[in-house]
Amino acid sequence: MWIFTTSGFLSVVTPADRPGDLLVRARVRADLEAFCDATGAPAPIETPARDYRWRTFVPAATFATYLAGQAEAIDYGNFKSAVAARQGHDRAHRYHDVWSVMHDLQLADADAV
């Protein structure tokens, strides 16, 4: 699962060797630190040779609580504008690039109908 929030981008998967836990990964340390601060998860572990450089583990229930909190904290009418205000225009521009690719998917889907 990919999660884009106003405090960062996370990738979350199930680790094969840790039943009940989730592996939460980030490309940017500050993104994972924000998650750890919000959840009490262990500090990020650096794994420079892996696809996602930063990672930590949390119980699935902890992550579910985090997601619910993120939903309840939505206080903006435009996500990219909120990202720009909280994380800067460079980050918002990168999120816009993701938005654009997904917009292209929408257009392709509309053409297929």
PDB file of N, CA and C in Angstrom:
ATOM      1  N   MET A   1       0.848  -1.169   0.000  1.00  0.00           N
ATOM      2  CA  MET A   1       0.000   0.000   0.000  1.00  0.00           C
ATOM      3  C   MET A   1       0.894   1.232   0.000  1.00  0.00           C
ATOM      4  N   TRP A   2       0.564   2.161  -0.835  1.00  0.00           N
ATOM      5  CA  TRP A   2       1.233   3.456  -0.814  1.00  0.00           C
ATOM      6  C   TRP A   2       0.325   4.454  -0.128  1.00  0.00           C
ATOM      7  N   ILE A   3       0.907   5.265   0.732  1.00  0.00           N
ATOM      8  CA  ILE A   3       0.165   6.281   1.458  1.00  0.00           C
ATOM      9  C   ILE A   3       0.844   7.625   1.222  1.00  0.00           C
ATOM     10  N   PHE A   4       0.108   8.574   0.687  1.00  0.00           N
ATOM     11  CA  PHE A   4       0.586   9.945   0.538  1.00  0.00           C
ATOM     12  C   PHE A   4      -0.191  10.794   1.530  1.00  0.00           C
ATOM     13  N   THR A   5       0.495  11.445   2.450  1.00  0.00           N
ATOM     14  CA  THR A   5      -0.145  12.316   3.425  1.00  0.00           C
ATOM     15  C   THR A   5       0.556  13.670   3.391  1.00  0.00           C
ATOM     16  N   THR A   6       0.027  14.597   4.144  1.00  0.00           N
ATOM     17  CA  THR A   6       0.678  15.912   4.220  1.00  0.00           C
ATOM     18  C   THR A   6       1.959  15.855   5.034  1.00  0.00           C
ATOM     19  N   SER A   7       2.254  14.704   5.641  1.00  0.00           N
ATOM     20  CA  SER A   7       3.511  14.562   6.382  1.00  0.00           C
ATOM     21  C   SER A   7       4.466  13.572   5.734  1.00  0.00           C
ATOM     22  N   GLY A   8       4.100  13.029   4.563  1.00  0.00           N
ATOM     23  CA  GLY A   8       5.045  12.162   3.891  1.00  0.00           C
ATOM     24  C   GLY A   8       4.441  11.069   3.043  1.00  0.00           C
ATOM     25  N   PHE A   9       5.325  10.325   2.406  1.00  0.00           N
ATOM     26  CA  PHE A   9       4.979   9.191   1.546  1.00  0.00           C
ATOM     27  C   PHE A   9       5.516   7.920   2.181  1.00  0.00           C
ATOM     28  N   LEU A  10       4.647   6.924   2.335  1.00  0.00           N
ATOM     29  CA  LEU A  10       5.024   5.650   2.934  1.00  0.00           C
ATOM     30  C   LEU A  10       4.608   4.500   2.027  1.00  0.00           C
ATOM     31  N   SER A  11       5.357   3.426   2.097  1.00  0.00           N
ATOM     32  CA  SER A  11       5.000   2.167   1.458  1.00  0.00           C
ATOM     33  C   SER A  11       4.884   1.133   2.566  1.00  0.00           C
ATOM     34  N   VAL A  12       3.793   0.380   2.558  1.00  0.00           N
ATOM     35  CA  VAL A  12       3.527  -0.560   3.651  1.00  0.00           C
ATOM     36  C   VAL A  12       3.269  -1.940   3.075  1.00  0.00           C
ATOM     37  N   VAL A  13       3.974  -2.941   3.610  1.00  0.00           N
ATOM     38  CA  VAL A  13       3.826  -4.326   3.174  1.00  0.00           C
ATOM     39  C   VAL A  13       3.860  -5.248   4.390  1.00  0.00           C
ATOM     40  N   THR A  14       3.512  -6.499   4.154  1.00  0.00           N
ATOM     41  CA  THR A  14       3.577  -7.517   5.201  1.00  0.00           C
ATOM     42  C   THR A  14       4.924  -8.224   5.116  1.00  0.00           C
ATOM     43  N   PRO A  15       5.713  -8.198   6.195  1.00  0.00           N
ATOM     44  CA  PRO A  15       6.977  -8.942   6.170  1.00  0.00           C
ATOM     45  C   PRO A  15       6.713 -10.435   6.386  1.00  0.00           C
ATOM     46  N   ALA A  16       7.348 -11.268   5.594  1.00  0.00           N
ATOM     47  CA  ALA A  16       7.109 -12.710   5.668  1.00  0.00           C
ATOM     48  C   ALA A  16       7.493 -13.302   7.016  1.00  0.00           C
ATOM     49  N   ASP A  17       8.465 -12.701   7.680  1.00  0.00           N
ATOM     50  CA  ASP A  17       9.003 -13.283   8.910  1.00  0.00           C
ATOM     51  C   ASP A  17       8.450 -12.662  10.197  1.00  0.00           C
ATOM     52  N   ARG A  18       7.424 -11.799  10.090  1.00  0.00           N
ATOM     53  CA  ARG A  18       6.890 -11.116  11.280  1.00  0.00           C
ATOM     54  C   ARG A  18       5.368 -11.083  11.234  1.00  0.00           C
ATOM     55  N   PRO A  19       4.732 -12.217  11.496  1.00  0.00           N
ATOM     56  CA  PRO A  19       3.267 -12.262  11.454  1.00  0.00           C
ATOM     57  C   PRO A  19       2.646 -11.227  12.403  1.00  0.00           C
ATOM     58  N   GLY A  20       1.629 -10.530  11.904  1.00  0.00           N
ATOM     59  CA  GLY A  20       0.942  -9.530  12.708  1.00  0.00           C
ATOM     60  C   GLY A  20       1.540  -8.138  12.621  1.00  0.00           C
ATOM     61  N   ASP A  21       2.752  -8.043  12.083  1.00  0.00           N
ATOM     62  CA  ASP A  21       3.404  -6.743  11.928  1.00  0.00           C
ATOM     63  C   ASP A  21       3.310  -6.281  10.478  1.00  0.00           C
ATOM     64  N   LEU A  22       3.538  -4.996  10.304  1.00  0.00           N
ATOM     65  CA  LEU A  22       3.671  -4.422   8.975  1.00  0.00           C
ATOM     66  C   LEU A  22       5.033  -3.759   8.874  1.00  0.00           C
ATOM     67  N   LEU A  23       5.611  -3.818   7.695  1.00  0.00           N
ATOM     68  CA  LEU A  23       6.864  -3.141   7.398  1.00  0.00           C
ATOM     69  C   LEU A  23       6.495  -1.816   6.746  1.00  0.00           C
ATOM     70  N   VAL A  24       6.855  -0.725   7.406  1.00  0.00           N
ATOM     71  CA  VAL A  24       6.557   0.612   6.906  1.00  0.00           C
ATOM     72  C   VAL A  24       7.862   1.189   6.386  1.00  0.00           C
ATOM     73  N   ARG A  25       7.845   1.603   5.100  1.00  0.00           N
ATOM     74  CA  ARG A  25       9.068   2.040   4.441  1.00  0.00           C
ATOM     75  C   ARG A  25       8.890   3.446   3.892  1.00  0.00           C
ATOM     76  N   ALA A  26      10.010   4.133   3.744  1.00  0.00           N
ATOM     77  CA  ALA A  26       9.986   5.481   3.174  1.00  0.00           C
ATOM     78  C   ALA A  26      11.255   5.718   2.374  1.00  0.00           C
ATOM     79  N   ARG A  27      11.162   6.616   1.436  1.00  0.00           N
ATOM     80  CA  ARG A  27      12.326   7.013   0.658  1.00  0.00           C
ATOM     81  C   ARG A  27      13.074   8.159   1.333  1.00  0.00           C
ATOM     82  N   VAL A  28      12.350   8.901   2.188  1.00  0.00           N
ATOM     83  CA  VAL A  28      12.908  10.069   2.868  1.00  0.00           C
ATOM     84  C   VAL A  28      12.796   9.848   4.376  1.00  0.00           C
ATOM     85  N   ARG A  29      13.898   9.993   5.079  1.00  0.00           N
ATOM     86  CA  ARG A  29      13.916   9.726   6.522  1.00  0.00           C
ATOM     87  C   ARG A  29      12.864  10.534   7.276  1.00  0.00           C
ATOM     88  N   ALA A  30      12.728  11.816   6.948  1.00  0.00           N
ATOM     89  CA  ALA A  30      11.778  12.661   7.674  1.00  0.00           C
ATOM     90  C   ALA A  30      10.347  12.140   7.562  1.00  0.00           C
ATOM     91  N   ASP A  31      10.004  11.525   6.438  1.00  0.00           N
ATOM     92  CA  ASP A  31       8.665  10.962   6.282  1.00  0.00           C
ATOM     93  C   ASP A  31       8.429   9.848   7.292  1.00  0.00           C
ATOM     94  N   LEU A  32       9.423   8.975   7.423  1.00  0.00           N
ATOM     95  CA  LEU A  32       9.268   7.863   8.359  1.00  0.00           C
ATOM     96  C   LEU A  32       9.392   8.339   9.803  1.00  0.00           C
ATOM     97  N   GLU A  33      10.219   9.335  10.043  1.00  0.00           N
ATOM     98  CA  GLU A  33      10.307   9.893  11.396  1.00  0.00           C
ATOM     99  C   GLU A  33       8.965  10.484  11.830  1.00  0.00           C
ATOM    100  N   ALA A  34       8.272  11.143  10.912  1.00  0.00           N
ATOM    101  CA  ALA A  34       6.949  11.690  11.239  1.00  0.00           C
ATOM    102  C   ALA A  34       5.992  10.563  11.600  1.00  0.00           C
ATOM    103  N   PHE A  35       6.060   9.466  10.862  1.00  0.00           N
ATOM    104  CA  PHE A  35       5.227   8.306  11.178  1.00  0.00           C
ATOM    105  C   PHE A  35       5.592   7.735  12.548  1.00  0.00           C
ATOM    106  N   CYS A  36       6.873   7.570  12.799  1.00  0.00           N
ATOM    107  CA  CYS A  36       7.327   7.022  14.084  1.00  0.00           C
ATOM    108  C   CYS A  36       6.903   7.921  15.245  1.00  0.00           C
ATOM    109  N   ASP A  37       7.036   9.233  15.064  1.00  0.00           N
ATOM    110  CA  ASP A  37       6.619  10.180  16.101  1.00  0.00           C
ATOM    111  C   ASP A  37       5.126  10.059  16.377  1.00  0.00           C
ATOM    112  N   ALA A  38       4.344   9.862  15.323  1.00  0.00           N
ATOM    113  CA  ALA A  38       2.888   9.796  15.467  1.00  0.00           C
ATOM    114  C   ALA A  38       2.416   8.486  16.080  1.00  0.00           C
ATOM    115  N   THR A  39       3.215   7.422  15.928  1.00  0.00           N
ATOM    116  CA  THR A  39       2.749   6.096  16.338  1.00  0.00           C
ATOM    117  C   THR A  39       3.551   5.472  17.477  1.00  0.00           C
ATOM    118  N   GLY A  40       4.704   6.027  17.785  1.00  0.00           N
ATOM    119  CA  GLY A  40       5.575   5.388  18.764  1.00  0.00           C
ATOM    120  C   GLY A  40       6.346   4.212  18.194  1.00  0.00           C
ATOM    121  N   ALA A  41       6.371   4.103  16.869  1.00  0.00           N
ATOM    122  CA  ALA A  41       7.126   3.025  16.217  1.00  0.00           C
ATOM    123  C   ALA A  41       8.611   3.204  16.481  1.00  0.00           C
ATOM    124  N   PRO A  42       9.371   2.113  16.400  1.00  0.00           N
ATOM    125  CA  PRO A  42      10.821   2.225  16.552  1.00  0.00           C
ATOM    126  C   PRO A  42      11.421   3.184  15.524  1.00  0.00           C
ATOM    127  N   ALA A  43      12.523   3.790  15.882  1.00  0.00           N
ATOM    128  CA  ALA A  43      13.207   4.737  14.992  1.00  0.00           C
ATOM    129  C   ALA A  43      13.513   4.081  13.651  1.00  0.00           C
ATOM    130  N   PRO A  44      13.546   4.869  12.577  1.00  0.00           N
ATOM    131  CA  PRO A  44      13.842   4.319  11.252  1.00  0.00           C
ATOM    132  C   PRO A  44      15.201   3.619  11.204  1.00  0.00           C
ATOM    133  N   ILE A  45      15.217   2.525  10.482  1.00  0.00           N
ATOM    134  CA  ILE A  45      16.443   1.777  10.211  1.00  0.00           C
ATOM    135  C   ILE A  45      16.869   2.121   8.791  1.00  0.00           C
ATOM    136  N   GLU A  46      18.144   2.470   8.610  1.00  0.00           N
ATOM    137  CA  GLU A  46      18.627   2.787   7.282  1.00  0.00           C
ATOM    138  C   GLU A  46      19.049   1.517   6.557  1.00  0.00           C
ATOM    139  N   THR A  47      18.553   1.361   5.337  1.00  0.00           N
ATOM    140  CA  THR A  47      18.892   0.221   4.493  1.00  0.00           C
ATOM    141  C   THR A  47      19.244   0.743   3.097  1.00  0.00           C
ATOM    142  N   PRO A  48      20.448   1.321   2.931  1.00  0.00           N
ATOM    143  CA  PRO A  48      20.789   2.008   1.685  1.00  0.00           C
ATOM    144  C   PRO A  48      20.775   1.129   0.440  1.00  0.00           C
ATOM    145  N   ALA A  49      20.926  -0.167   0.588  1.00  0.00           N
ATOM    146  CA  ALA A  49      20.950  -1.041  -0.579  1.00  0.00           C
ATOM    147  C   ALA A  49      19.550  -1.513  -0.989  1.00  0.00           C
ATOM    148  N   ARG A  50      18.533  -1.153  -0.234  1.00  0.00           N
ATOM    149  CA  ARG A  50      17.169  -1.596  -0.526  1.00  0.00           C
ATOM    150  C   ARG A  50      16.418  -0.541  -1.332  1.00  0.00           C
ATOM    151  N   ASP A  51      15.313  -0.952  -1.909  1.00  0.00           N
ATOM    152  CA  ASP A  51      14.509  -0.050  -2.727  1.00  0.00           C
ATOM    153  C   ASP A  51      14.038   1.160  -1.914  1.00  0.00           C
ATOM    154  N   TYR A  52      13.542   0.931  -0.720  1.00  0.00           N
ATOM    155  CA  TYR A  52      13.177   2.013   0.198  1.00  0.00           C
ATOM    156  C   TYR A  52      14.266   2.104   1.253  1.00  0.00           C
ATOM    157  N   ARG A  53      14.902   3.239   1.349  1.00  0.00           N
ATOM    158  CA  ARG A  53      16.081   3.391   2.205  1.00  0.00           C
ATOM    159  C   ARG A  53      15.766   3.293   3.695  1.00  0.00           C
ATOM    160  N   TRP A  54      14.574   3.729   4.117  1.00  0.00           N
ATOM    161  CA  TRP A  54      14.227   3.802   5.539  1.00  0.00           C
ATOM    162  C   TRP A  54      13.066   2.875   5.846  1.00  0.00           C
ATOM    163  N   ARG A  55      13.122   2.204   7.006  1.00  0.00           N
ATOM    164  CA  ARG A  55      12.063   1.259   7.355  1.00  0.00           C
ATOM    165  C   ARG A  55      11.913   1.089   8.855  1.00  0.00           C
ATOM    166  N   THR A  56      10.720   0.659   9.235  1.00  0.00           N
ATOM    167  CA  THR A  56      10.421   0.304  10.618  1.00  0.00           C
ATOM    168  C   THR A  56       9.301  -0.714  10.594  1.00  0.00           C
ATOM    169  N   PHE A  57       9.039  -1.318  11.729  1.00  0.00           N
ATOM    170  CA  PHE A  57       7.967  -2.306  11.851  1.00  0.00           C
ATOM    171  C   PHE A  57       6.982  -1.845  12.909  1.00  0.00           C
ATOM    172  N   VAL A  58       5.703  -2.113  12.661  1.00  0.00           N
ATOM    173  CA  VAL A  58       4.662  -1.830  13.654  1.00  0.00           C
ATOM    174  C   VAL A  58       3.604  -2.921  13.590  1.00  0.00           C
ATOM    175  N   PRO A  59       2.896  -3.142  14.691  1.00  0.00           N
ATOM    176  CA  PRO A  59       1.747  -4.039  14.616  1.00  0.00           C
ATOM    177  C   PRO A  59       0.705  -3.480  13.639  1.00  0.00           C
ATOM    178  N   ALA A  60       0.014  -4.363  12.956  1.00  0.00           N
ATOM    179  CA  ALA A  60      -0.993  -3.929  11.981  1.00  0.00           C
ATOM    180  C   ALA A  60      -2.028  -3.020  12.642  1.00  0.00           C
ATOM    181  N   ALA A  61      -2.394  -3.304  13.880  1.00  0.00           N
ATOM    182  CA  ALA A  61      -3.385  -2.470  14.583  1.00  0.00           C
ATOM    183  C   ALA A  61      -2.871  -1.044  14.781  1.00  0.00           C
ATOM    184  N   THR A  62      -1.581  -0.893  15.012  1.00  0.00           N
ATOM    185  CA  THR A  62      -0.996   0.443  15.161  1.00  0.00           C
ATOM    186  C   THR A  62      -1.112   1.217  13.859  1.00  0.00           C
ATOM    187  N   PHE A  63      -0.841   0.542  12.759  1.00  0.00           N
ATOM    188  CA  PHE A  63      -0.950   1.216  11.470  1.00  0.00           C
ATOM    189  C   PHE A  63      -2.398   1.577  11.166  1.00  0.00           C
ATOM    190  N   ALA A  64      -3.327   0.703  11.495  1.00  0.00           N
ATOM    191  CA  ALA A  64      -4.744   0.992  11.270  1.00  0.00           C
ATOM    192  C   ALA A  64      -5.173   2.226  12.059  1.00  0.00           C
ATOM    193  N   THR A  65      -4.705   2.338  13.290  1.00  0.00           N
ATOM    194  CA  THR A  65      -5.019   3.515  14.107  1.00  0.00           C
ATOM    195  C   THR A  65      -4.423   4.771  13.482  1.00  0.00           C
ATOM    196  N   TYR A  66      -3.208   4.661  12.983  1.00  0.00           N
ATOM    197  CA  TYR A  66      -2.560   5.788  12.307  1.00  0.00           C
ATOM    198  C   TYR A  66      -3.384   6.244  11.105  1.00  0.00           C
ATOM    199  N   LEU A  67      -3.817   5.285  10.280  1.00  0.00           N
ATOM    200  CA  LEU A  67      -4.605   5.641   9.097  1.00  0.00           C
ATOM    201  C   LEU A  67      -5.910   6.324   9.485  1.00  0.00           C
ATOM    202  N   ALA A  68      -6.559   5.817  10.506  1.00  0.00           N
ATOM    203  CA  ALA A  68      -7.803   6.451  10.963  1.00  0.00           C
ATOM    204  C   ALA A  68      -7.533   7.882  11.415  1.00  0.00           C
ATOM    205  N   GLY A  69      -6.430   8.088  12.120  1.00  0.00           N
ATOM    206  CA  GLY A  69      -6.063   9.431  12.562  1.00  0.00           C
ATOM    207  C   GLY A  69      -5.780  10.356  11.399  1.00  0.00           C
ATOM    208  N   GLN A  70      -5.130   9.837  10.366  1.00  0.00           N
ATOM    209  CA  GLN A  70      -4.867  10.651   9.179  1.00  0.00           C
ATOM    210  C   GLN A  70      -6.177  11.087   8.525  1.00  0.00           C
ATOM    211  N   ALA A  71      -7.130  10.176   8.456  1.00  0.00           N
ATOM    212  CA  ALA A  71      -8.426  10.514   7.862  1.00  0.00           C
ATOM    213  C   ALA A  71      -9.148  11.569   8.695  1.00  0.00           C
ATOM    214  N   GLU A  72      -9.114  11.400   9.996  1.00  0.00           N
ATOM    215  CA  GLU A  72      -9.807  12.346  10.883  1.00  0.00           C
ATOM    216  C   GLU A  72      -9.142  13.724  10.883  1.00  0.00           C
ATOM    217  N   ALA A  73      -7.869  13.794  10.529  1.00  0.00           N
ATOM    218  CA  ALA A  73      -7.125  15.054  10.571  1.00  0.00           C
ATOM    219  C   ALA A  73      -7.218  15.857   9.267  1.00  0.00           C
ATOM    220  N   ILE A  74      -7.933  15.363   8.277  1.00  0.00           N
ATOM    221  CA  ILE A  74      -8.039  16.098   7.019  1.00  0.00           C
ATOM    222  C   ILE A  74      -8.737  17.426   7.293  1.00  0.00           C
ATOM    223  N   ASP A  75      -8.011  18.505   7.036  1.00  0.00           N
ATOM    224  CA  ASP A  75      -8.517  19.849   7.320  1.00  0.00           C
ATOM    225  C   ASP A  75      -8.290  20.784   6.128  1.00  0.00           C
ATOM    226  N   TYR A  76      -8.225  20.224   4.933  1.00  0.00           N
ATOM    227  CA  TYR A  76      -7.895  20.998   3.743  1.00  0.00           C
ATOM    228  C   TYR A  76      -8.877  20.669   2.634  1.00  0.00           C
ATOM    229  N   GLY A  77      -9.017  21.609   1.716  1.00  0.00           N
ATOM    230  CA  GLY A  77      -9.871  21.408   0.555  1.00  0.00           C
ATOM    231  C   GLY A  77      -9.108  20.979  -0.682  1.00  0.00           C
ATOM    232  N   ASN A  78      -7.772  21.098  -0.637  1.00  0.00           N
ATOM    233  CA  ASN A  78      -6.929  20.699  -1.753  1.00  0.00           C
ATOM    234  C   ASN A  78      -5.662  20.063  -1.196  1.00  0.00           C
ATOM    235  N   PHE A  79      -5.470  18.792  -1.499  1.00  0.00           N
ATOM    236  CA  PHE A  79      -4.350  18.040  -0.934  1.00  0.00           C
ATOM    237  C   PHE A  79      -3.000  18.620  -1.336  1.00  0.00           C
ATOM    238  N   LYS A  80      -2.800  18.868  -2.623  1.00  0.00           N
ATOM    239  CA  LYS A  80      -1.488  19.357  -3.074  1.00  0.00           C
ATOM    240  C   LYS A  80      -1.162  20.717  -2.467  1.00  0.00           C
ATOM    241  N   SER A  81      -2.155  21.562  -2.300  1.00  0.00           N
ATOM    242  CA  SER A  81      -1.918  22.865  -1.658  1.00  0.00           C
ATOM    243  C   SER A  81      -1.526  22.683  -0.195  1.00  0.00           C
ATOM    244  N   ALA A  82      -2.160  21.742   0.475  1.00  0.00           N
ATOM    245  CA  ALA A  82      -1.814  21.475   1.873  1.00  0.00           C
ATOM    246  C   ALA A  82      -0.398  20.924   1.979  1.00  0.00           C
ATOM    247  N   VAL A  83      -0.015  20.075   1.045  1.00  0.00           N
ATOM    248  CA  VAL A  83       1.358  19.558   1.029  1.00  0.00           C
ATOM    249  C   VAL A  83       2.335  20.705   0.822  1.00  0.00           C
ATOM    250  N   ALA A  84       2.042  21.599  -0.098  1.00  0.00           N
ATOM    251  CA  ALA A  84       2.929  22.742  -0.352  1.00  0.00           C
ATOM    252  C   ALA A  84       3.090  23.582   0.911  1.00  0.00           C
ATOM    253  N   ALA A  85       2.004  23.802   1.625  1.00  0.00           N
ATOM    254  CA  ALA A  85       2.055  24.619   2.841  1.00  0.00           C
ATOM    255  C   ALA A  85       2.825  23.933   3.960  1.00  0.00           C
ATOM    256  N   ARG A  86       2.749  22.596   4.029  1.00  0.00           N
ATOM    257  CA  ARG A  86       3.342  21.870   5.153  1.00  0.00           C
ATOM    258  C   ARG A  86       4.707  21.276   4.852  1.00  0.00           C
ATOM    259  N   GLN A  87       4.950  20.943   3.579  1.00  0.00           N
ATOM    260  CA  GLN A  87       6.213  20.296   3.236  1.00  0.00           C
ATOM    261  C   GLN A  87       6.992  21.033   2.146  1.00  0.00           C
ATOM    262  N   GLY A  88       6.412  22.077   1.607  1.00  0.00           N
ATOM    263  CA  GLY A  88       7.112  22.870   0.605  1.00  0.00           C
ATOM    264  C   GLY A  88       6.660  22.570  -0.812  1.00  0.00           C
ATOM    265  N   HIS A  89       7.000  23.504  -1.686  1.00  0.00           N
ATOM    266  CA  HIS A  89       6.556  23.407  -3.075  1.00  0.00           C
ATOM    267  C   HIS A  89       7.251  22.287  -3.843  1.00  0.00           C
ATOM    268  N   ASP A  90       8.499  21.982  -3.502  1.00  0.00           N
ATOM    269  CA  ASP A  90       9.194  20.892  -4.192  1.00  0.00           C
ATOM    270  C   ASP A  90       8.460  19.572  -3.974  1.00  0.00           C
ATOM    271  N   ARG A  91       8.077  19.303  -2.726  1.00  0.00           N
ATOM    272  CA  ARG A  91       7.338  18.061  -2.436  1.00  0.00           C
ATOM    273  C   ARG A  91       5.982  18.084  -3.132  1.00  0.00           C
ATOM    274  N   ALA A  92       5.290  19.197  -3.088  1.00  0.00           N
ATOM    275  CA  ALA A  92       3.984  19.280  -3.744  1.00  0.00           C
ATOM    276  C   ALA A  92       4.119  19.040  -5.253  1.00  0.00           C
ATOM    277  N   HIS A  93       5.196  19.551  -5.849  1.00  0.00           N
ATOM    278  CA  HIS A  93       5.421  19.333  -7.279  1.00  0.00           C
ATOM    279  C   HIS A  93       5.610  17.843  -7.573  1.00  0.00           C
ATOM    280  N   ARG A  94       6.339  17.162  -6.727  1.00  0.00           N
ATOM    281  CA  ARG A  94       6.552  15.721  -6.921  1.00  0.00           C
ATOM    282  C   ARG A  94       5.238  14.953  -6.771  1.00  0.00           C
ATOM    283  N   TYR A  95       4.424  15.346  -5.794  1.00  0.00           N
ATOM    284  CA  TYR A  95       3.112  14.711  -5.639  1.00  0.00           C
ATOM    285  C   TYR A  95       2.244  15.004  -6.868  1.00  0.00           C
ATOM    286  N   HIS A  96       2.388  16.211  -7.414  1.00  0.00           N
ATOM    287  CA  HIS A  96       1.627  16.533  -8.624  1.00  0.00           C
ATOM    288  C   HIS A  96       2.033  15.615  -9.770  1.00  0.00           C
ATOM    289  N   ASP A  97       3.309  15.261  -9.851  1.00  0.00           N
ATOM    290  CA  ASP A  97       3.752  14.335 -10.890  1.00  0.00           C
ATOM    291  C   ASP A  97       3.029  12.988 -10.759  1.00  0.00           C
ATOM    292  N   VAL A  98       2.872  12.509  -9.540  1.00  0.00           N
ATOM    293  CA  VAL A  98       2.123  11.268  -9.314  1.00  0.00           C
ATOM    294  C   VAL A  98       0.663  11.471  -9.730  1.00  0.00           C
ATOM    295  N   TRP A  99       0.079  12.612  -9.310  1.00  0.00           N
ATOM    296  CA  TRP A  99      -1.299  12.935  -9.680  1.00  0.00           C
ATOM    297  C   TRP A  99      -1.455  12.904 -11.194  1.00  0.00           C
ATOM    298  N   SER A 100      -0.495  13.464 -11.905  1.00  0.00           N
ATOM    299  CA  SER A 100      -0.564  13.553 -13.356  1.00  0.00           C
ATOM    300  C   SER A 100      -0.556  12.170 -14.013  1.00  0.00           C
ATOM    301  N   VAL A 101       0.296  11.290 -13.523  1.00  0.00           N
ATOM    302  CA  VAL A 101       0.348   9.928 -14.064  1.00  0.00           C
ATOM    303  C   VAL A 101      -0.991   9.227 -13.832  1.00  0.00           C
ATOM    304  N   MET A 102      -1.565   9.403 -12.670  1.00  0.00           N
ATOM    305  CA  MET A 102      -2.848   8.768 -12.379  1.00  0.00           C
ATOM    306  C   MET A 102      -3.984   9.434 -13.166  1.00  0.00           C
ATOM    307  N   HIS A 103      -3.855  10.720 -13.438  1.00  0.00           N
ATOM    308  CA  HIS A 103      -4.834  11.395 -14.292  1.00  0.00           C
ATOM    309  C   HIS A 103      -4.792  10.810 -15.695  1.00  0.00           C
ATOM    310  N   ASP A 104      -3.597  10.523 -16.181  1.00  0.00           N
ATOM    311  CA  ASP A 104      -3.462   9.876 -17.486  1.00  0.00           C
ATOM    312  C   ASP A 104      -4.170   8.518 -17.501  1.00  0.00           C
ATOM    313  N   LEU A 105      -4.087   7.782 -16.404  1.00  0.00           N
ATOM    314  CA  LEU A 105      -4.788   6.496 -16.293  1.00  0.00           C
ATOM    315  C   LEU A 105      -6.297   6.716 -16.392  1.00  0.00           C
ATOM    316  N   GLN A 106      -6.781   7.756 -15.721  1.00  0.00           N
ATOM    317  CA  GLN A 106      -8.212   8.072 -15.795  1.00  0.00           C
ATOM    318  C   GLN A 106      -8.632   8.362 -17.229  1.00  0.00           C
ATOM    319  N   LEU A 107      -7.838   9.146 -17.939  1.00  0.00           N
ATOM    320  CA  LEU A 107      -8.155   9.471 -19.318  1.00  0.00           C
ATOM    321  C   LEU A 107      -8.143   8.215 -20.199  1.00  0.00           C
ATOM    322  N   ALA A 108      -7.171   7.346 -19.978  1.00  0.00           N
ATOM    323  CA  ALA A 108      -7.090   6.105 -20.745  1.00  0.00           C
ATOM    324  C   ALA A 108      -8.304   5.222 -20.453  1.00  0.00           C
ATOM    325  N   ASP A 109      -8.726   5.196 -19.210  1.00  0.00           N
ATOM    326  CA  ASP A 109      -9.891   4.402 -18.834  1.00  0.00           C
ATOM    327  C   ASP A 109     -11.152   4.964 -19.484  1.00  0.00           C
ATOM    328  N   ALA A 110     -11.279   6.296 -19.521  1.00  0.00           N
ATOM    329  CA  ALA A 110     -12.445   6.921 -20.147  1.00  0.00           C
ATOM    330  C   ALA A 110     -12.480   6.607 -21.646  1.00  0.00           C
ATOM    331  N   ASP A 111     -11.297   6.570 -22.271  1.00  0.00           N
ATOM    332  CA  ASP A 111     -11.224   6.268 -23.695  1.00  0.00           C
ATOM    333  C   ASP A 111     -11.602   4.811 -23.972  1.00  0.00           C
ATOM    334  N   ALA A 112     -11.387   3.940 -22.985  1.00  0.00           N
ATOM    335  CA  ALA A 112     -11.669   2.519 -23.156  1.00  0.00           C
ATOM    336  C   ALA A 112     -13.166   2.218 -23.059  1.00  0.00           C
ATOM    337  N   VAL A 113     -13.933   3.141 -22.487  1.00  0.00           N
ATOM    338  CA  VAL A 113     -15.370   2.903 -22.272  1.00  0.00           C
ATOM    339  C   VAL A 113     -16.154   3.146 -23.516  1.00  0.00           C
TER     340      VAL A 113
END
